[in-house]
Protein backbone atom coordinates (compact mmCIF):
# COMPACT_ATOMS: atom_id res chain seq x y z
CA MET A 1 -15.00 -2.32 3.92
CA SER A 2 -14.72 -2.48 7.64
CA LYS A 3 -13.84 0.57 9.97
CA ARG A 4 -10.74 -1.21 10.74
CA THR A 5 -9.60 -1.55 6.96
CA GLN A 6 -10.58 2.19 6.32
CA ASP A 7 -8.16 3.07 9.43
CA LEU A 8 -5.30 1.18 8.21
CA ALA A 9 -6.00 2.36 4.42
CA ALA A 10 -6.02 5.87 5.76
CA ALA A 11 -2.79 5.53 7.88
CA ARG A 12 -1.24 3.81 4.82
CA ARG A 13 -2.12 7.35 2.96
CA LEU A 14 -1.07 9.54 6.07
CA LEU A 15 2.46 7.66 6.26
CA LEU A 16 2.98 7.89 2.48
CA ALA A 17 2.88 12.09 3.03
CA LEU A 18 4.67 11.96 5.94
CA SER A 19 7.80 10.10 4.32
CA GLU A 20 7.32 12.12 0.77
CA GLY A 21 7.94 14.92 3.30
CA LEU A 22 10.76 13.77 5.47
CA ALA A 23 12.69 12.80 2.24
CA LYS A 24 11.48 16.45 0.56
CA ALA A 25 12.96 18.24 4.20
CA GLY A 26 15.96 16.15 4.26
CA ARG A 27 17.28 17.35 1.15
CA LEU A 28 16.11 20.69 1.93
CA LEU A 29 18.42 20.19 4.90
CA PHE A 30 21.50 18.96 3.45
CA ALA A 31 21.26 21.70 0.67
CA ALA A 32 20.74 24.53 3.44
CA GLY A 33 24.43 23.08 5.01
CA LEU A 34 22.72 21.86 8.15
CA ALA A 35 24.49 18.36 7.90
CA ASP A 36 23.09 16.58 11.08
CA GLU A 37 19.98 17.57 10.58
CA GLY A 38 19.32 15.93 7.90
CA ARG A 39 20.94 12.64 8.80
CA ALA A 40 18.50 12.86 11.57
CA VAL A 41 15.60 13.45 9.28
CA LYS A 42 16.81 10.35 7.30
CA ARG A 43 16.70 8.20 9.79
CA MET A 44 13.50 9.20 10.73
CA HIS A 45 13.08 8.76 6.48
CA ALA A 46 13.79 4.84 7.25
CA GLU A 47 11.65 4.67 10.70
CA VAL A 48 8.74 6.17 8.72
CA GLY A 49 9.37 3.42 5.73
CA VAL A 50 9.57 0.59 8.05
CA MET A 51 6.43 1.24 9.30
CA ARG A 52 4.90 1.60 6.42
CA GLN A 53 5.79 -2.09 4.92
CA ARG A 54 4.04 -3.00 8.64
CA VAL A 55 1.12 -1.40 7.73
CA ARG A 56 1.14 -2.67 4.10
CA LYS A 57 1.31 -5.66 5.61
CA VAL A 58 -1.61 -5.57 7.40
CA HIS A 59 -3.49 -3.73 5.74
CA ASN A 60 -3.34 -6.21 2.93
CA ALA A 61 -4.29 -9.15 5.07
CA ALA A 62 -7.11 -7.16 6.47
CA LEU A 63 -8.17 -6.93 2.36
CA ALA A 64 -8.32 -10.85 2.02
CA VAL A 65 -10.09 -11.64 5.18
CA GLU A 66 -12.93 -9.82 3.87
CA GLY A 67 -13.04 -11.46 0.85
CA ASP A 68 -11.29 -8.37 -1.41
CA ASP A 69 -8.68 -8.91 -3.86
CA THR A 70 -5.87 -7.22 -3.04
CA ALA A 71 -3.84 -6.83 -6.35
CA MET A 72 -7.47 -5.63 -8.01
CA GLY A 73 -9.29 -4.08 -5.38
CA GLU A 74 -12.18 -6.11 -6.52
CA ASN A 75 -15.03 -7.83 -4.43
CA ARG A 76 -15.15 -11.53 -5.33
């Protein structure tokens, strides 16, 4: 796997962790009665979701170029 592909995989993992953290933070803010802050975090969560989709698409394309089977993660 190339350095670029490894970096994209790391970015995917970080964005996933960020997405999960924002979702939890939003729920906690709403539960604490901080609706305005909860809505702001919900918007951030949606933006991170869009970023995750874009990075996933680029990462899968990079894997395909390298000859990996993106569904199985196996070399051809």
